[in-house]
Amino acid sequence: VLKTGAAYLPIDPEHPAERVEFMLH
C-alpha cells in the first residue's frame, strides 16, 4: 500500500463490530 503512494487504515479484527463499522464508514 505504501509503495503505491496510498495510505492504510489498520483495523484490528478483535475490535467490536460497531467500532469497525464506524471506522470503515
mmCIF file of all heavy atoms, coordinates in Angstrom:
data_MODEL
# 
_entry.id   MODEL 
# 
loop_
_atom_site.group_PDB 
_atom_site.id 
_atom_site.type_symbol 
_atom_site.label_atom_id 
_atom_site.label_alt_id 
_atom_site.label_comp_id 
_atom_site.label_asym_id 
_atom_site.label_entity_id 
_atom_site.label_seq_id 
_atom_site.pdbx_PDB_ins_code 
_atom_site.Cartn_x 
_atom_site.Cartn_y 
_atom_site.Cartn_z 
_atom_site.occupancy 
_atom_site.B_iso_or_equiv 
_atom_site.pdbx_formal_charge 
_atom_site.auth_seq_id 
_atom_site.auth_comp_id 
_atom_site.auth_asym_id 
_atom_site.auth_atom_id 
_atom_site.pdbx_PDB_model_num 
ATOM 1   N N   . VAL A 1 1  ? 0.843   -1.200  0.000  1.00 0.00 ? 1  VAL A N   1 
ATOM 2   C CA  . VAL A 1 1  ? 0.000   0.000   0.000  1.00 0.00 ? 1  VAL A CA  1 
ATOM 3   C C   . VAL A 1 1  ? 0.875   1.245   0.000  1.00 0.00 ? 1  VAL A C   1 
ATOM 4   O O   . VAL A 1 1  ? 0.682   2.164   -0.796 1.00 0.00 ? 1  VAL A O   1 
ATOM 5   C CB  . VAL A 1 1  ? -0.956  0.005   1.219  1.00 0.00 ? 1  VAL A CB  1 
ATOM 6   C CG1 . VAL A 1 1  ? -1.608  1.368   1.409  1.00 0.00 ? 1  VAL A CG1 1 
ATOM 7   C CG2 . VAL A 1 1  ? -2.014  -1.074  1.065  1.00 0.00 ? 1  VAL A CG2 1 
ATOM 8   N N   . LEU A 1 2  ? 1.864   1.276   0.881  1.00 0.00 ? 2  LEU A N   1 
ATOM 9   C CA  . LEU A 1 2  ? 2.745   2.447   0.963  1.00 0.00 ? 2  LEU A CA  1 
ATOM 10  C C   . LEU A 1 2  ? 3.528   2.645   -0.330 1.00 0.00 ? 2  LEU A C   1 
ATOM 11  O O   . LEU A 1 2  ? 3.741   3.775   -0.771 1.00 0.00 ? 2  LEU A O   1 
ATOM 12  C CB  . LEU A 1 2  ? 3.689   2.310   2.150  1.00 0.00 ? 2  LEU A CB  1 
ATOM 13  C CG  . LEU A 1 2  ? 3.014   2.374   3.518  1.00 0.00 ? 2  LEU A CG  1 
ATOM 14  C CD1 . LEU A 1 2  ? 4.017   2.049   4.619  1.00 0.00 ? 2  LEU A CD1 1 
ATOM 15  C CD2 . LEU A 1 2  ? 2.358   3.721   3.748  1.00 0.00 ? 2  LEU A CD2 1 
ATOM 16  N N   . LYS A 1 3  ? 3.941   1.554   -0.964 1.00 0.00 ? 3  LYS A N   1 
ATOM 17  C CA  . LYS A 1 3  ? 4.725   1.647   -2.198 1.00 0.00 ? 3  LYS A CA  1 
ATOM 18  C C   . LYS A 1 3  ? 3.910   2.275   -3.323 1.00 0.00 ? 3  LYS A C   1 
ATOM 19  O O   . LYS A 1 3  ? 4.461   2.917   -4.204 1.00 0.00 ? 3  LYS A O   1 
ATOM 20  C CB  . LYS A 1 3  ? 5.219   0.266   -2.602 1.00 0.00 ? 3  LYS A CB  1 
ATOM 21  C CG  . LYS A 1 3  ? 6.296   0.291   -3.630 1.00 0.00 ? 3  LYS A CG  1 
ATOM 22  C CD  . LYS A 1 3  ? 7.345   -0.735  -3.269 1.00 0.00 ? 3  LYS A CD  1 
ATOM 23  C CE  . LYS A 1 3  ? 8.405   -0.811  -4.308 1.00 0.00 ? 3  LYS A CE  1 
ATOM 24  N NZ  . LYS A 1 3  ? 9.568   -0.056  -4.019 1.00 0.00 ? 3  LYS A NZ  1 
ATOM 25  N N   . THR A 1 4  ? 2.599   2.104   -3.298 1.00 0.00 ? 4  THR A N   1 
ATOM 26  C CA  . THR A 1 4  ? 1.750   2.707   -4.330 1.00 0.00 ? 4  THR A CA  1 
ATOM 27  C C   . THR A 1 4  ? 1.491   4.188   -4.064 1.00 0.00 ? 4  THR A C   1 
ATOM 28  O O   . THR A 1 4  ? 0.925   4.870   -4.898 1.00 0.00 ? 4  THR A O   1 
ATOM 29  C CB  . THR A 1 4  ? 0.384   2.009   -4.423 1.00 0.00 ? 4  THR A CB  1 
ATOM 30  O OG1 . THR A 1 4  ? -0.355  2.264   -3.227 1.00 0.00 ? 4  THR A OG1 1 
ATOM 31  C CG2 . THR A 1 4  ? 0.527   0.529   -4.693 1.00 0.00 ? 4  THR A CG2 1 
ATOM 32  N N   . GLY A 1 5  ? 1.881   4.674   -2.894 1.00 0.00 ? 5  GLY A N   1 
ATOM 33  C CA  . GLY A 1 5  ? 1.618   6.065   -2.549 1.00 0.00 ? 5  GLY A CA  1 
ATOM 34  C C   . GLY A 1 5  ? 0.291   6.236   -1.822 1.00 0.00 ? 5  GLY A C   1 
ATOM 35  O O   . GLY A 1 5  ? -0.109  7.357   -1.510 1.00 0.00 ? 5  GLY A O   1 
ATOM 36  N N   . ALA A 1 6  ? -0.392  5.145   -1.562 1.00 0.00 ? 6  ALA A N   1 
ATOM 37  C CA  . ALA A 1 6  ? -1.664  5.208   -0.842 1.00 0.00 ? 6  ALA A CA  1 
ATOM 38  C C   . ALA A 1 6  ? -1.405  5.170   0.665  1.00 0.00 ? 6  ALA A C   1 
ATOM 39  O O   . ALA A 1 6  ? -0.279  4.980   1.101  1.00 0.00 ? 6  ALA A O   1 
ATOM 40  C CB  . ALA A 1 6  ? -2.558  4.039   -1.257 1.00 0.00 ? 6  ALA A CB  1 
ATOM 41  N N   . ALA A 1 7  ? -2.453  5.364   1.425  1.00 0.00 ? 7  ALA A N   1 
ATOM 42  C CA  . ALA A 1 7  ? -2.370  5.280   2.883  1.00 0.00 ? 7  ALA A CA  1 
ATOM 43  C C   . ALA A 1 7  ? -3.161  4.050   3.330  1.00 0.00 ? 7  ALA A C   1 
ATOM 44  O O   . ALA A 1 7  ? -4.032  3.578   2.623  1.00 0.00 ? 7  ALA A O   1 
ATOM 45  C CB  . ALA A 1 7  ? -2.950  6.530   3.520  1.00 0.00 ? 7  ALA A CB  1 
ATOM 46  N N   . TYR A 1 8  ? -2.827  3.555   4.519  1.00 0.00 ? 8  TYR A N   1 
ATOM 47  C CA  . TYR A 1 8  ? -3.571  2.413   5.035  1.00 0.00 ? 8  TYR A CA  1 
ATOM 48  C C   . TYR A 1 8  ? -4.234  2.761   6.352  1.00 0.00 ? 8  TYR A C   1 
ATOM 49  O O   . TYR A 1 8  ? -3.861  3.700   7.043  1.00 0.00 ? 8  TYR A O   1 
ATOM 50  C CB  . TYR A 1 8  ? -2.681  1.172   5.161  1.00 0.00 ? 8  TYR A CB  1 
ATOM 51  C CG  . TYR A 1 8  ? -1.657  1.229   6.274  1.00 0.00 ? 8  TYR A CG  1 
ATOM 52  C CD1 . TYR A 1 8  ? -1.929  0.662   7.521  1.00 0.00 ? 8  TYR A CD1 1 
ATOM 53  C CD2 . TYR A 1 8  ? -0.422  1.833   6.089  1.00 0.00 ? 8  TYR A CD2 1 
ATOM 54  C CE1 . TYR A 1 8  ? -0.996  0.704   8.535  1.00 0.00 ? 8  TYR A CE1 1 
ATOM 55  C CE2 . TYR A 1 8  ? 0.519   1.875   7.099  1.00 0.00 ? 8  TYR A CE2 1 
ATOM 56  C CZ  . TYR A 1 8  ? 0.220   1.316   8.322  1.00 0.00 ? 8  TYR A CZ  1 
ATOM 57  O OH  . TYR A 1 8  ? 1.137   1.364   9.334  1.00 0.00 ? 8  TYR A OH  1 
ATOM 58  N N   . LEU A 1 9  ? -5.267  1.989   6.660  1.00 0.00 ? 9  LEU A N   1 
ATOM 59  C CA  . LEU A 1 9  ? -6.026  2.134   7.889  1.00 0.00 ? 9  LEU A CA  1 
ATOM 60  C C   . LEU A 1 9  ? -6.011  0.783   8.589  1.00 0.00 ? 9  LEU A C   1 
ATOM 61  O O   . LEU A 1 9  ? -6.638  -0.162  8.125  1.00 0.00 ? 9  LEU A O   1 
ATOM 62  C CB  . LEU A 1 9  ? -7.471  2.534   7.568  1.00 0.00 ? 9  LEU A CB  1 
ATOM 63  C CG  . LEU A 1 9  ? -8.495  2.430   8.695  1.00 0.00 ? 9  LEU A CG  1 
ATOM 64  C CD1 . LEU A 1 9  ? -8.183  3.429   9.804  1.00 0.00 ? 9  LEU A CD1 1 
ATOM 65  C CD2 . LEU A 1 9  ? -9.897  2.652   8.148  1.00 0.00 ? 9  LEU A CD2 1 
ATOM 66  N N   . PRO A 1 10 ? -5.235  0.658   9.675  1.00 0.00 ? 10 PRO A N   1 
ATOM 67  C CA  . PRO A 1 10 ? -5.225  -0.637  10.362 1.00 0.00 ? 10 PRO A CA  1 
ATOM 68  C C   . PRO A 1 10 ? -6.554  -0.882  11.079 1.00 0.00 ? 10 PRO A C   1 
ATOM 69  O O   . PRO A 1 10 ? -7.057  -0.007  11.783 1.00 0.00 ? 10 PRO A O   1 
ATOM 70  C CB  . PRO A 1 10 ? -4.074  -0.499  11.365 1.00 0.00 ? 10 PRO A CB  1 
ATOM 71  C CG  . PRO A 1 10 ? -3.892  0.964   11.559 1.00 0.00 ? 10 PRO A CG  1 
ATOM 72  C CD  . PRO A 1 10 ? -4.366  1.640   10.310 1.00 0.00 ? 10 PRO A CD  1 
ATOM 73  N N   . ILE A 1 11 ? -7.108  -2.055  10.849 1.00 0.00 ? 11 ILE A N   1 
ATOM 74  C CA  . ILE A 1 11 ? -8.343  -2.471  11.519 1.00 0.00 ? 11 ILE A CA  1 
ATOM 75  C C   . ILE A 1 11 ? -8.022  -3.750  12.286 1.00 0.00 ? 11 ILE A C   1 
ATOM 76  O O   . ILE A 1 11 ? -7.620  -4.745  11.688 1.00 0.00 ? 11 ILE A O   1 
ATOM 77  C CB  . ILE A 1 11 ? -9.475  -2.765  10.511 1.00 0.00 ? 11 ILE A CB  1 
ATOM 78  C CG1 . ILE A 1 11 ? -9.823  -1.536  9.676  1.00 0.00 ? 11 ILE A CG1 1 
ATOM 79  C CG2 . ILE A 1 11 ? -10.699 -3.325  11.218 1.00 0.00 ? 11 ILE A CG2 1 
ATOM 80  C CD1 . ILE A 1 11 ? -10.681 -0.515  10.369 1.00 0.00 ? 11 ILE A CD1 1 
ATOM 81  N N   . ASP A 1 12 ? -8.170  -3.705  13.583 1.00 0.00 ? 12 ASP A N   1 
ATOM 82  C CA  . ASP A 1 12 ? -7.929  -4.893  14.399 1.00 0.00 ? 12 ASP A CA  1 
ATOM 83  C C   . ASP A 1 12 ? -9.169  -5.775  14.340 1.00 0.00 ? 12 ASP A C   1 
ATOM 84  O O   . ASP A 1 12 ? -10.259 -5.348  14.722 1.00 0.00 ? 12 ASP A O   1 
ATOM 85  C CB  . ASP A 1 12 ? -7.648  -4.471  15.842 1.00 0.00 ? 12 ASP A CB  1 
ATOM 86  C CG  . ASP A 1 12 ? -7.234  -5.625  16.731 1.00 0.00 ? 12 ASP A CG  1 
ATOM 87  O OD1 . ASP A 1 12 ? -7.555  -6.793  16.411 1.00 0.00 ? 12 ASP A OD1 1 
ATOM 88  O OD2 . ASP A 1 12 ? -6.593  -5.356  17.764 1.00 0.00 ? 12 ASP A OD2 1 
ATOM 89  N N   . PRO A 1 13 ? -9.034  -7.016  13.850 1.00 0.00 ? 13 PRO A N   1 
ATOM 90  C CA  . PRO A 1 13 ? -10.200 -7.896  13.758 1.00 0.00 ? 13 PRO A CA  1 
ATOM 91  C C   . PRO A 1 13 ? -10.825 -8.209  15.116 1.00 0.00 ? 13 PRO A C   1 
ATOM 92  O O   . PRO A 1 13 ? -11.953 -8.682  15.183 1.00 0.00 ? 13 PRO A O   1 
ATOM 93  C CB  . PRO A 1 13 ? -9.666  -9.169  13.107 1.00 0.00 ? 13 PRO A CB  1 
ATOM 94  C CG  . PRO A 1 13 ? -8.242  -8.957  12.805 1.00 0.00 ? 13 PRO A CG  1 
ATOM 95  C CD  . PRO A 1 13 ? -7.826  -7.638  13.346 1.00 0.00 ? 13 PRO A CD  1 
ATOM 96  N N   . GLU A 1 14 ? -10.103 -7.918  16.190 1.00 0.00 ? 14 GLU A N   1 
ATOM 97  C CA  . GLU A 1 14 ? -10.639 -8.167  17.539 1.00 0.00 ? 14 GLU A CA  1 
ATOM 98  C C   . GLU A 1 14 ? -11.502 -7.011  18.049 1.00 0.00 ? 14 GLU A C   1 
ATOM 99  O O   . GLU A 1 14 ? -12.141 -7.134  19.097 1.00 0.00 ? 14 GLU A O   1 
ATOM 100 C CB  . GLU A 1 14 ? -9.487  -8.408  18.521 1.00 0.00 ? 14 GLU A CB  1 
ATOM 101 C CG  . GLU A 1 14 ? -8.612  -9.601  18.163 1.00 0.00 ? 14 GLU A CG  1 
ATOM 102 C CD  . GLU A 1 14 ? -9.379  -10.900 18.212 1.00 0.00 ? 14 GLU A CD  1 
ATOM 103 O OE1 . GLU A 1 14 ? -10.181 -11.101 19.151 1.00 0.00 ? 14 GLU A OE1 1 
ATOM 104 O OE2 . GLU A 1 14 ? -9.186  -11.732 17.295 1.00 0.00 ? 14 GLU A OE2 1 
ATOM 105 N N   . HIS A 1 15 ? -11.505 -5.883  17.330 1.00 0.00 ? 15 HIS A N   1 
ATOM 106 C CA  . HIS A 1 15 ? -12.320 -4.751  17.771 1.00 0.00 ? 15 HIS A CA  1 
ATOM 107 C C   . HIS A 1 15 ? -13.801 -5.084  17.676 1.00 0.00 ? 15 HIS A C   1 
ATOM 108 O O   . HIS A 1 15 ? -14.209 -5.899  16.837 1.00 0.00 ? 15 HIS A O   1 
ATOM 109 C CB  . HIS A 1 15 ? -12.040 -3.517  16.911 1.00 0.00 ? 15 HIS A CB  1 
ATOM 110 C CG  . HIS A 1 15 ? -10.802 -2.787  17.305 1.00 0.00 ? 15 HIS A CG  1 
ATOM 111 N ND1 . HIS A 1 15 ? -10.150 -1.938  16.463 1.00 0.00 ? 15 HIS A ND1 1 
ATOM 112 C CD2 . HIS A 1 15 ? -10.090 -2.760  18.449 1.00 0.00 ? 15 HIS A CD2 1 
ATOM 113 C CE1 . HIS A 1 15 ? -9.098  -1.424  17.055 1.00 0.00 ? 15 HIS A CE1 1 
ATOM 114 N NE2 . HIS A 1 15 ? -9.038  -1.919  18.262 1.00 0.00 ? 15 HIS A NE2 1 
ATOM 115 N N   . PRO A 1 16 ? -14.627 -4.434  18.499 1.00 0.00 ? 16 PRO A N   1 
ATOM 116 C CA  . PRO A 1 16 ? -16.076 -4.650  18.401 1.00 0.00 ? 16 PRO A CA  1 
ATOM 117 C C   . PRO A 1 16 ? -16.587 -4.279  17.003 1.00 0.00 ? 16 PRO A C   1 
ATOM 118 O O   . PRO A 1 16 ? -16.071 -3.346  16.370 1.00 0.00 ? 16 PRO A O   1 
ATOM 119 C CB  . PRO A 1 16 ? -16.657 -3.699  19.455 1.00 0.00 ? 16 PRO A CB  1 
ATOM 120 C CG  . PRO A 1 16 ? -15.520 -3.405  20.388 1.00 0.00 ? 16 PRO A CG  1 
ATOM 121 C CD  . PRO A 1 16 ? -14.267 -3.509  19.569 1.00 0.00 ? 16 PRO A CD  1 
ATOM 122 N N   . ALA A 1 17 ? -17.606 -4.998  16.543 1.00 0.00 ? 17 ALA A N   1 
ATOM 123 C CA  . ALA A 1 17 ? -18.154 -4.795  15.200 1.00 0.00 ? 17 ALA A CA  1 
ATOM 124 C C   . ALA A 1 17 ? -18.587 -3.345  14.972 1.00 0.00 ? 17 ALA A C   1 
ATOM 125 O O   . ALA A 1 17 ? -18.397 -2.798  13.886 1.00 0.00 ? 17 ALA A O   1 
ATOM 126 C CB  . ALA A 1 17 ? -19.329 -5.740  14.971 1.00 0.00 ? 17 ALA A CB  1 
ATOM 127 N N   . GLU A 1 18 ? -19.151 -2.709  16.002 1.00 0.00 ? 18 GLU A N   1 
ATOM 128 C CA  . GLU A 1 18 ? -19.617 -1.324  15.851 1.00 0.00 ? 18 GLU A CA  1 
ATOM 129 C C   . GLU A 1 18 ? -18.447 -0.381  15.571 1.00 0.00 ? 18 GLU A C   1 
ATOM 130 O O   . GLU A 1 18 ? -18.568 0.554   14.791 1.00 0.00 ? 18 GLU A O   1 
ATOM 131 C CB  . GLU A 1 18 ? -20.355 -0.846  17.110 1.00 0.00 ? 18 GLU A CB  1 
ATOM 132 C CG  . GLU A 1 18 ? -21.583 -1.648  17.466 1.00 0.00 ? 18 GLU A CG  1 
ATOM 133 C CD  . GLU A 1 18 ? -21.249 -2.948  18.201 1.00 0.00 ? 18 GLU A CD  1 
ATOM 134 O OE1 . GLU A 1 18 ? -20.227 -3.020  18.929 1.00 0.00 ? 18 GLU A OE1 1 
ATOM 135 O OE2 . GLU A 1 18 ? -22.012 -3.914  18.021 1.00 0.00 ? 18 GLU A OE2 1 
ATOM 136 N N   . ARG A 1 19 ? -17.325 -0.609  16.229 1.00 0.00 ? 19 ARG A N   1 
ATOM 137 C CA  . ARG A 1 19 ? -16.151 0.240   16.019 1.00 0.00 ? 19 ARG A CA  1 
ATOM 138 C C   . ARG A 1 19 ? -15.597 0.045   14.610 1.00 0.00 ? 19 ARG A C   1 
ATOM 139 O O   . ARG A 1 19 ? -15.256 1.004   13.924 1.00 0.00 ? 19 ARG A O   1 
ATOM 140 C CB  . ARG A 1 19 ? -15.070 -0.062  17.062 1.00 0.00 ? 19 ARG A CB  1 
ATOM 141 C CG  . ARG A 1 19 ? -13.830 0.815   16.907 1.00 0.00 ? 19 ARG A CG  1 
ATOM 142 C CD  . ARG A 1 19 ? -12.816 0.536   18.004 1.00 0.00 ? 19 ARG A CD  1 
ATOM 143 N NE  . ARG A 1 19 ? -11.574 1.224   17.782 1.00 0.00 ? 19 ARG A NE  1 
ATOM 144 C CZ  . ARG A 1 19 ? -11.293 2.455   18.214 1.00 0.00 ? 19 ARG A CZ  1 
ATOM 145 N NH1 . ARG A 1 19 ? -12.201 3.123   18.897 1.00 0.00 ? 19 ARG A NH1 1 
ATOM 146 N NH2 . ARG A 1 19 ? -10.128 3.014   17.961 1.00 0.00 ? 19 ARG A NH2 1 
ATOM 147 N N   . VAL A 1 20 ? -15.503 -1.207  14.162 1.00 0.00 ? 20 VAL A N   1 
ATOM 148 C CA  . VAL A 1 20 ? -15.013 -1.498  12.808 1.00 0.00 ? 20 VAL A CA  1 
ATOM 149 C C   . VAL A 1 20 ? -15.931 -0.834  11.779 1.00 0.00 ? 20 VAL A C   1 
ATOM 150 O O   . VAL A 1 20 ? -15.464 -0.165  10.847 1.00 0.00 ? 20 VAL A O   1 
ATOM 151 C CB  . VAL A 1 20 ? -14.926 -3.018  12.562 1.00 0.00 ? 20 VAL A CB  1 
ATOM 152 C CG1 . VAL A 1 20 ? -14.645 -3.321  11.102 1.00 0.00 ? 20 VAL A CG1 1 
ATOM 153 C CG2 . VAL A 1 20 ? -13.874 -3.640  13.473 1.00 0.00 ? 20 VAL A CG2 1 
ATOM 154 N N   . GLU A 1 21 ? -17.225 -0.990  11.964 1.00 0.00 ? 21 GLU A N   1 
ATOM 155 C CA  . GLU A 1 21 ? -18.186 -0.382  11.032 1.00 0.00 ? 21 GLU A CA  1 
ATOM 156 C C   . GLU A 1 21 ? -18.042 1.135   11.025 1.00 0.00 ? 21 GLU A C   1 
ATOM 157 O O   . GLU A 1 21 ? -18.036 1.756   9.957  1.00 0.00 ? 21 GLU A O   1 
ATOM 158 C CB  . GLU A 1 21 ? -19.611 -0.777  11.418 1.00 0.00 ? 21 GLU A CB  1 
ATOM 159 C CG  . GLU A 1 21 ? -20.639 -0.284  10.437 1.00 0.00 ? 21 GLU A CG  1 
ATOM 160 C CD  . GLU A 1 21 ? -22.037 -0.797  10.744 1.00 0.00 ? 21 GLU A CD  1 
ATOM 161 O OE1 . GLU A 1 21 ? -22.219 -1.524  11.743 1.00 0.00 ? 21 GLU A OE1 1 
ATOM 162 O OE2 . GLU A 1 21 ? -22.952 -0.453  9.978  1.00 0.00 ? 21 GLU A OE2 1 
ATOM 163 N N   . PHE A 1 22 ? -17.897 1.752   12.196 1.00 0.00 ? 22 PHE A N   1 
ATOM 164 C CA  . PHE A 1 22 ? -17.725 3.204   12.270 1.00 0.00 ? 22 PHE A CA  1 
ATOM 165 C C   . PHE A 1 22 ? -16.472 3.649   11.508 1.00 0.00 ? 22 PHE A C   1 
ATOM 166 O O   . PHE A 1 22 ? -16.507 4.584   10.720 1.00 0.00 ? 22 PHE A O   1 
ATOM 167 C CB  . PHE A 1 22 ? -17.639 3.677   13.729 1.00 0.00 ? 22 PHE A CB  1 
ATOM 168 C CG  . PHE A 1 22 ? -17.251 5.129   13.823 1.00 0.00 ? 22 PHE A CG  1 
ATOM 169 C CD1 . PHE A 1 22 ? -18.193 6.117   13.647 1.00 0.00 ? 22 PHE A CD1 1 
ATOM 170 C CD2 . PHE A 1 22 ? -15.928 5.493   14.046 1.00 0.00 ? 22 PHE A CD2 1 
ATOM 171 C CE1 . PHE A 1 22 ? -17.834 7.462   13.696 1.00 0.00 ? 22 PHE A CE1 1 
ATOM 172 C CE2 . PHE A 1 22 ? -15.557 6.828   14.096 1.00 0.00 ? 22 PHE A CE2 1 
ATOM 173 C CZ  . PHE A 1 22 ? -16.515 7.818   13.921 1.00 0.00 ? 22 PHE A CZ  1 
ATOM 174 N N   . MET A 1 23 ? -15.341 2.980   11.763 1.00 0.00 ? 23 MET A N   1 
ATOM 175 C CA  . MET A 1 23 ? -14.083 3.383   11.126 1.00 0.00 ? 23 MET A CA  1 
ATOM 176 C C   . MET A 1 23 ? -14.157 3.229   9.607  1.00 0.00 ? 23 MET A C   1 
ATOM 177 O O   . MET A 1 23 ? -13.693 4.107   8.870  1.00 0.00 ? 23 MET A O   1 
ATOM 178 C CB  . MET A 1 23 ? -12.910 2.584   11.692 1.00 0.00 ? 23 MET A CB  1 
ATOM 179 C CG  . MET A 1 23 ? -12.570 2.962   13.126 1.00 0.00 ? 23 MET A CG  1 
ATOM 180 S SD  . MET A 1 23 ? -11.045 2.218   13.749 1.00 0.00 ? 23 MET A SD  1 
ATOM 181 C CE  . MET A 1 23 ? -11.425 0.494   13.728 1.00 0.00 ? 23 MET A CE  1 
ATOM 182 N N   . LEU A 1 24 ? -14.741 2.133   9.131  1.00 0.00 ? 24 LEU A N   1 
ATOM 183 C CA  . LEU A 1 24 ? -14.845 1.932   7.692  1.00 0.00 ? 24 LEU A CA  1 
ATOM 184 C C   . LEU A 1 24 ? -15.768 2.967   7.056  1.00 0.00 ? 24 LEU A C   1 
ATOM 185 O O   . LEU A 1 24 ? -15.485 3.487   5.974  1.00 0.00 ? 24 LEU A O   1 
ATOM 186 C CB  . LEU A 1 24 ? -15.314 0.512   7.371  1.00 0.00 ? 24 LEU A CB  1 
ATOM 187 C CG  . LEU A 1 24 ? -14.303 -0.586  7.662  1.00 0.00 ? 24 LEU A CG  1 
ATOM 188 C CD1 . LEU A 1 24 ? -14.915 -1.958  7.401  1.00 0.00 ? 24 LEU A CD1 1 
ATOM 189 C CD2 . LEU A 1 24 ? -13.044 -0.406  6.837  1.00 0.00 ? 24 LEU A CD2 1 
ATOM 190 N N   . HIS A 1 25 ? -16.862 3.278   7.733  1.00 0.00 ? 25 HIS A N   1 
ATOM 191 C CA  . HIS A 1 25 ? -17.781 4.293   7.203  1.00 0.00 ? 25 HIS A CA  1 
ATOM 192 C C   . HIS A 1 25 ? -17.121 5.672   7.233  1.00 0.00 ? 25 HIS A C   1 
ATOM 193 O O   . HIS A 1 25 ? -17.194 6.426   6.259  1.00 0.00 ? 25 HIS A O   1 
ATOM 194 C CB  . HIS A 1 25 ? -19.081 4.304   8.015  1.00 0.00 ? 25 HIS A CB  1 
ATOM 195 C CG  . HIS A 1 25 ? -20.025 5.386   7.589  1.00 0.00 ? 25 HIS A CG  1 
ATOM 196 N ND1 . HIS A 1 25 ? -20.760 5.307   6.427  1.00 0.00 ? 25 HIS A ND1 1 
ATOM 197 C CD2 . HIS A 1 25 ? -20.311 6.577   8.145  1.00 0.00 ? 25 HIS A CD2 1 
ATOM 198 C CE1 . HIS A 1 25 ? -21.474 6.414   6.299  1.00 0.00 ? 25 HIS A CE1 1 
ATOM 199 N NE2 . HIS A 1 25 ? -21.225 7.196   7.325  1.00 0.00 ? 25 HIS A NE2 1 
# 
